[in-house]
Protein backbone atom coordinates (compact mmCIF):
# COMPACT_ATOMS: atom_id res chain seq x y z
CA MET A 1 0.00 0.00 0.00
CA ILE A 2 1.41 3.38 -1.05
CA ARG A 3 0.94 5.94 1.68
CA PRO A 4 0.83 9.71 1.04
CA HIS A 5 3.78 11.81 2.13
CA LEU A 6 3.41 12.66 5.83
CA PRO A 7 4.42 16.28 6.59
CA LEU A 8 5.85 15.49 10.03
CA ASN A 9 7.14 19.01 10.75
CA ALA A 10 3.78 20.50 9.88
CA LEU A 11 1.98 17.92 12.01
CA ARG A 12 4.25 18.72 14.97
CA ALA A 13 3.58 22.43 14.47
CA PHE A 14 -0.17 21.84 14.40
CA GLU A 15 -0.14 19.62 17.51
CA ALA A 16 1.91 22.10 19.55
CA SER A 17 -0.20 25.04 18.37
CA ALA A 18 -3.41 23.17 19.19
CA ARG A 19 -2.14 22.29 22.65
CA HIS A 20 -1.15 25.87 23.45
CA LEU A 21 -3.76 27.57 21.22
CA SER A 22 -0.93 29.88 20.27
CA PHE A 23 1.61 29.94 17.43
CA THR A 24 3.98 31.93 19.63
CA ARG A 25 4.06 29.43 22.51
CA ALA A 26 4.30 26.55 20.05
CA ALA A 27 7.31 28.25 18.45
CA VAL A 28 9.04 28.53 21.83
CA GLU A 29 8.45 24.82 22.51
CA LEU A 30 9.71 23.76 19.06
CA CYS A 31 12.66 26.22 19.11
CA VAL A 32 11.67 27.88 15.83
CA THR A 33 10.15 31.22 14.90
CA GLN A 34 6.48 32.06 15.16
CA ALA A 35 6.43 32.68 11.43
CA ALA A 36 7.81 29.19 10.78
CA VAL A 37 5.07 27.57 12.87
CA SER A 38 2.36 29.61 11.14
CA HIS A 39 3.78 28.68 7.72
CA GLN A 40 3.87 24.98 8.61
CA VAL A 41 0.25 25.04 9.76
CA LYS A 42 -0.87 26.88 6.62
CA SER A 43 1.01 24.32 4.55
CA LEU A 44 -0.79 21.48 6.35
CA GLU A 45 -4.17 23.18 5.85
CA ALA A 46 -3.42 23.54 2.16
CA GLN A 47 -2.43 19.88 1.85
CA VAL A 48 -5.54 18.49 3.57
CA GLY A 49 -7.85 21.12 2.08
CA VAL A 50 -9.49 22.28 5.32
CA THR A 51 -9.01 25.06 7.87
CA LEU A 52 -7.72 23.73 11.18
CA PHE A 53 -7.70 26.94 13.21
CA LYS A 54 -9.77 30.07 13.52
CA ARG A 55 -7.32 32.93 13.92
CA LEU A 56 -8.56 35.22 16.71
CA PRO A 57 -7.26 38.64 17.83
CA ARG A 58 -5.71 36.87 20.83
CA GLY A 59 -4.77 33.29 20.19
CA LEU A 60 -6.37 30.47 18.23
CA MET A 61 -9.48 28.31 18.28
CA LEU A 62 -9.71 24.85 16.76
CA THR A 63 -12.23 24.27 13.99
CA GLY A 64 -14.27 21.07 13.92
CA GLU A 65 -11.72 19.54 11.55
CA GLY A 66 -8.90 20.53 13.89
CA GLU A 67 -10.71 18.97 16.86
CA ASN A 68 -11.02 15.72 14.89
CA LEU A 69 -7.34 15.65 13.95
CA LEU A 70 -5.84 16.57 17.34
CA PRO A 71 -6.67 13.43 19.42
CA VAL A 72 -5.56 11.12 16.59
CA LEU A 73 -2.31 12.99 16.20
CA ARG A 74 -1.63 13.11 19.95
CA GLU A 75 -2.26 9.39 20.27
CA CYS A 76 0.15 8.67 17.42
CA PHE A 77 2.87 10.90 18.86
CA ASP A 78 2.38 9.38 22.32
CA ARG A 79 2.64 5.85 20.94
CA ILE A 80 5.80 6.71 19.02
CA ALA A 81 7.35 8.24 22.13
CA ASP A 82 6.33 5.28 24.30
CA THR A 83 7.71 2.77 21.81
CA LEU A 84 11.02 4.61 21.54
CA GLU A 85 11.21 4.79 25.34
CA ARG A 86 10.64 1.05 25.66
CA LEU A 87 13.20 0.29 22.97
CA GLN A 88 15.79 2.50 24.64
CA SER A 89 15.18 0.95 28.06
CA GLY A 90 15.15 -2.60 26.72
CA HIS A 91 11.77 -3.30 28.38
CA GLN A 92 8.64 -4.23 26.46
CA ARG A 93 6.11 -2.51 28.67
CA GLU A 94 2.77 -0.93 27.79
CA VAL A 95 1.82 2.54 29.00
CA LEU A 96 -1.71 3.14 30.31
CA THR A 97 -2.86 6.72 30.87
CA VAL A 98 -5.78 7.17 33.25
CA GLY A 99 -7.44 10.31 34.53
CA ALA A 100 -9.60 10.19 37.65
CA VAL A 101 -11.61 12.60 39.72
CA GLY A 102 -9.38 13.40 42.69
CA THR A 103 -11.73 12.06 45.38
CA PHE A 104 -11.88 8.64 43.73
CA ALA A 105 -8.15 8.57 42.97
CA VAL A 106 -7.02 9.39 46.52
CA GLY A 107 -9.79 7.76 48.54
CA TRP A 108 -10.43 4.56 46.59
CA LEU A 109 -7.95 3.87 43.80
CA LEU A 110 -4.59 4.59 45.47
CA PRO A 111 -5.08 2.08 48.33
CA ARG A 112 -5.60 -0.64 45.70
CA LEU A 113 -2.86 0.21 43.21
CA ALA A 114 -0.27 -2.09 44.80
CA ASP A 115 -2.53 -5.01 43.93
CA PHE A 116 -2.84 -3.82 40.34
CA GLN A 117 0.94 -3.45 40.00
CA ALA A 118 1.51 -6.92 41.41
CA ARG A 119 -0.98 -8.47 38.98
CA TYR A 120 0.13 -6.53 35.89
CA PRO A 121 3.82 -5.66 36.18
CA PHE A 122 4.08 -5.11 32.41
CA ILE A 123 1.83 -2.02 32.57
CA ASP A 124 3.24 1.44 33.29
CA LEU A 125 0.31 3.33 34.76
CA ARG A 126 0.24 7.10 34.40
CA LEU A 127 -2.42 8.60 36.65
CA SER A 128 -3.65 12.19 36.58
CA THR A 129 -6.32 13.71 38.78
CA ASN A 130 -8.98 16.31 38.06
CA ASN A 131 -12.06 17.93 39.60
CA ASN A 132 -14.44 15.87 37.45
CA ARG A 133 -14.01 18.10 34.41
CA VAL A 134 -11.92 16.25 31.86
CA ASP A 135 -11.47 16.11 28.08
CA VAL A 136 -10.48 12.53 27.29
CA ALA A 137 -9.51 13.31 23.69
CA ALA A 138 -7.56 16.52 24.29
CA GLU A 139 -5.67 15.04 27.26
CA GLY A 140 -4.84 11.82 25.41
CA LEU A 141 -6.33 9.57 28.10
CA ASP A 142 -6.98 5.87 27.62
CA TYR A 143 -9.55 5.93 30.43
CA ALA A 144 -11.14 8.50 32.72
CA VAL A 145 -12.99 7.76 35.96
CA ARG A 146 -15.79 10.30 36.35
CA PHE A 147 -18.67 11.01 38.70
CA GLY A 148 -22.10 11.55 37.22
CA ALA A 149 -25.07 9.96 35.52
CA GLY A 150 -23.06 8.07 32.90
CA ALA A 151 -24.08 10.09 29.83
CA TRP A 152 -21.28 11.88 27.99
CA HIS A 153 -21.28 12.55 24.24
CA GLY A 154 -19.08 10.19 22.26
CA ILE A 155 -18.09 8.33 25.42
CA GLU A 156 -18.51 4.70 26.40
CA ALA A 157 -19.26 4.52 30.14
CA LEU A 158 -19.10 1.52 32.48
CA ARG A 159 -20.64 1.99 35.92
CA LEU A 160 -18.31 1.13 38.79
CA ILE A 161 -19.84 2.04 42.18
CA ASP A 162 -22.35 4.34 43.80
CA ALA A 163 -21.08 6.78 46.37
CA PRO A 164 -23.91 8.16 48.53
CA LEU A 165 -23.29 11.60 49.99
CA SER A 166 -23.58 12.02 53.74
CA VAL A 167 -22.72 14.60 56.38
CA LEU A 168 -19.04 14.54 57.41
CA CYS A 169 -17.35 16.88 59.84
CA ALA A 170 -14.68 17.27 62.50
CA PRO A 171 -15.35 15.58 65.89
CA GLN A 172 -15.83 18.90 67.71
CA ILE A 173 -18.62 19.88 65.32
CA ALA A 174 -20.18 16.40 65.32
CA ARG A 175 -20.76 16.75 69.07
CA GLN A 176 -23.05 19.72 68.33
CA LEU A 177 -25.20 17.81 65.82
CA HIS A 178 -28.02 15.80 67.39
CA VAL A 179 -30.78 16.18 64.78
CA PRO A 180 -30.59 17.27 61.13
CA ALA A 181 -32.03 20.70 61.97
CA ASP A 182 -28.86 21.46 63.95
CA LEU A 183 -27.04 21.76 60.60
CA LEU A 184 -28.82 25.06 59.99
CA GLN A 185 -26.53 26.62 62.59
CA GLN A 186 -23.38 25.46 60.81
CA THR A 187 -21.36 26.55 57.80
CA LEU A 188 -22.25 24.16 54.99
CA LEU A 189 -19.43 23.16 52.67
CA ARG A 190 -20.48 22.10 49.19
CA SER A 191 -19.25 21.40 45.68
CA TYR A 192 -20.25 23.29 42.54
CA ARG A 193 -23.41 21.12 42.37
CA ALA A 194 -25.68 23.56 44.18
CA ASP A 195 -28.64 21.25 44.84
CA GLU A 196 -26.90 18.57 46.92
CA TRP A 197 -27.66 20.04 50.34
CA SER A 198 -31.28 20.71 49.30
CA GLN A 199 -31.63 17.04 48.33
CA TRP A 200 -30.15 15.90 51.63
CA PHE A 201 -32.43 18.16 53.68
CA GLN A 202 -35.44 16.91 51.73
CA ALA A 203 -34.43 13.27 52.35
CA ALA A 204 -34.09 14.12 56.04
CA GLY A 205 -37.66 15.45 56.09
CA LEU A 206 -36.67 19.10 56.30
CA ALA A 207 -37.53 21.87 53.91
CA ALA A 208 -34.46 23.47 52.41
CA PRO A 209 -33.95 26.82 54.16
CA VAL A 210 -35.23 29.87 52.26
CA THR A 211 -32.20 31.73 53.52
CA PRO A 212 -29.46 29.12 53.71
CA PRO A 213 -26.82 29.29 56.41
CA HIS A 214 -23.37 30.46 55.55
CA SER A 215 -21.79 28.23 52.93
CA ILE A 216 -18.48 27.85 51.07
CA VAL A 217 -18.26 26.41 47.55
CA PHE A 218 -15.32 24.23 46.45
CA ASP A 219 -14.34 22.88 43.04
CA SER A 220 -12.69 19.87 44.67
CA SER A 221 -14.07 17.43 47.24
CA LEU A 222 -10.54 16.89 48.53
CA ALA A 223 -10.21 20.60 49.34
CA MET A 224 -13.70 20.61 50.83
CA MET A 225 -12.84 17.70 53.13
CA GLU A 226 -9.60 19.33 54.19
CA ALA A 227 -11.69 22.32 55.27
CA ALA A 228 -14.00 19.97 57.18
CA LEU A 229 -11.02 18.33 58.89
CA GLN A 230 -9.89 21.76 60.03
CA GLY A 231 -13.30 22.53 61.51
CA VAL A 232 -14.29 25.16 58.97
CA GLY A 233 -17.74 23.65 58.47
CA VAL A 234 -19.80 20.58 57.62
CA ALA A 235 -19.26 18.77 54.33
CA LEU A 236 -21.58 16.67 52.21
CA ALA A 237 -19.31 14.00 50.75
CA PRO A 238 -19.12 10.23 50.11
CA PRO A 239 -17.99 8.41 53.28
CA LEU A 240 -16.72 5.56 51.08
CA MET A 241 -14.01 7.84 49.72
CA PHE A 242 -12.93 8.96 53.18
CA ALA A 243 -12.97 5.59 54.95
CA ARG A 244 -9.41 6.04 56.26
CA GLN A 245 -10.18 9.36 57.95
CA LEU A 246 -13.35 7.88 59.44
CA ALA A 247 -11.46 4.83 60.74
CA GLU A 248 -8.86 7.12 62.30
CA GLN A 249 -11.72 9.21 63.79
CA LYS A 250 -10.34 12.36 62.26
CA ILE A 251 -13.79 12.99 60.86
CA ARG A 252 -17.24 11.81 61.97
CA GLN A 253 -20.48 10.90 60.23
CA PRO A 254 -23.14 12.19 62.63
CA PHE A 255 -26.11 10.96 60.56
CA THR A 256 -26.39 7.68 58.63
CA LEU A 257 -28.61 9.22 55.94
CA GLY A 258 -27.02 9.31 52.50
CA ILE A 259 -28.31 10.46 49.12
CA ILE A 260 -27.24 9.11 45.72
CA THR A 261 -26.67 11.90 43.19
CA GLY A 262 -24.51 9.90 40.79
CA SER A 263 -22.04 7.07 40.43
CA TYR A 264 -18.40 6.61 39.49
CA TRP A 265 -17.94 5.48 35.88
CA LEU A 266 -15.02 4.16 33.87
CA THR A 267 -15.13 6.02 30.56
CA ARG A 268 -13.28 6.03 27.26
CA LEU A 269 -13.79 7.42 23.77
CA GLN A 270 -16.11 5.24 21.72
CA SER A 271 -13.63 5.61 18.85
CA ARG A 272 -10.70 4.44 20.99
CA PRO A 273 -9.76 0.78 20.35
CA GLU A 274 -9.07 -1.12 23.57
CA THR A 275 -5.46 -2.18 24.07
CA ALA A 276 -4.27 -5.13 26.15
CA ALA A 277 -3.34 -2.77 28.99
CA MET A 278 -6.75 -1.09 28.86
CA SER A 279 -8.52 -4.46 28.94
CA ALA A 280 -6.45 -5.58 31.93
CA PHE A 281 -7.14 -2.36 33.84
CA ARG A 282 -10.87 -2.49 33.08
CA SER A 283 -11.19 -6.09 34.26
CA TRP A 284 -9.22 -5.42 37.43
CA LEU A 285 -11.13 -2.23 38.26
CA VAL A 286 -14.55 -3.80 37.67
CA ASP A 287 -13.65 -6.77 39.87
CA ALA A 288 -12.44 -4.46 42.63
CA ALA A 289 -15.61 -2.36 42.39
CA GLN A 290 -17.84 -5.44 42.54
CA SER A 291 -15.98 -6.66 45.62
CA GLN A 292 -16.59 -3.27 47.24
CA THR A 293 -20.29 -3.43 46.39
CA LEU A 294 -20.62 -6.92 47.90
CA ARG A 295 -18.96 -5.75 51.13
CA ASP A 296 -21.38 -2.85 51.35
CA ILE A 297 -24.49 -5.04 50.98
């Protein structure tokens, strides 16, 4: 099969520009001039016959065609780099890149990773954390563990575990909480999902307050729980993800009531073919999640 000429320099210029959304920053990374990067991208656009960027007064924006090309190109570059790294090291290992919402990564996944490494020593796991906002394609992830309802466009989602939200707080605050109504005198810590406390109050048989008590909003459950540990207020978070702190009695769960607002899901691009490393990780993670569910029954 005769393959068309691949303009590697132009492809590198496009990938760097797309990652930075700037010809100037791409030029600094590639150690060339801004004009050279712009010329390479224009040359690539001319060759493929489509516009890959919208040129804005400040920076760039990918077109639909550019968004389609970027994840394919990043995956190819990553695979080339990984293969060269394995050849240079003399080890035939497979890299697996996983993103996970920070709460799940720290509270549930990390305590189990030693088992995964022991079972699959040929896999080099690269783990990144996020606050549940992730772009699988743009970040070049094989898998992403997310919290939600399981519906994301272009994404295949496999449900792992539920994580009911319950009241968690420092011991000194827990001693002041005898009935759910006592929470109205406390600072309520919450995530960017504004309706969680209202749902909990409703499940507890209380009307959500017309004028809510003082509250603090966090974009990370880990940061929210650190505030709870320091006695800043009362958090609504999944006890399952903070089992260690509960066992050490650093935090308390004054009420057993929990509400389910979503689940943790293992997700990947529908267009992403599953590698041997991905298959191994999926099987291991699903087994671990099922074992957790059976213990909770």
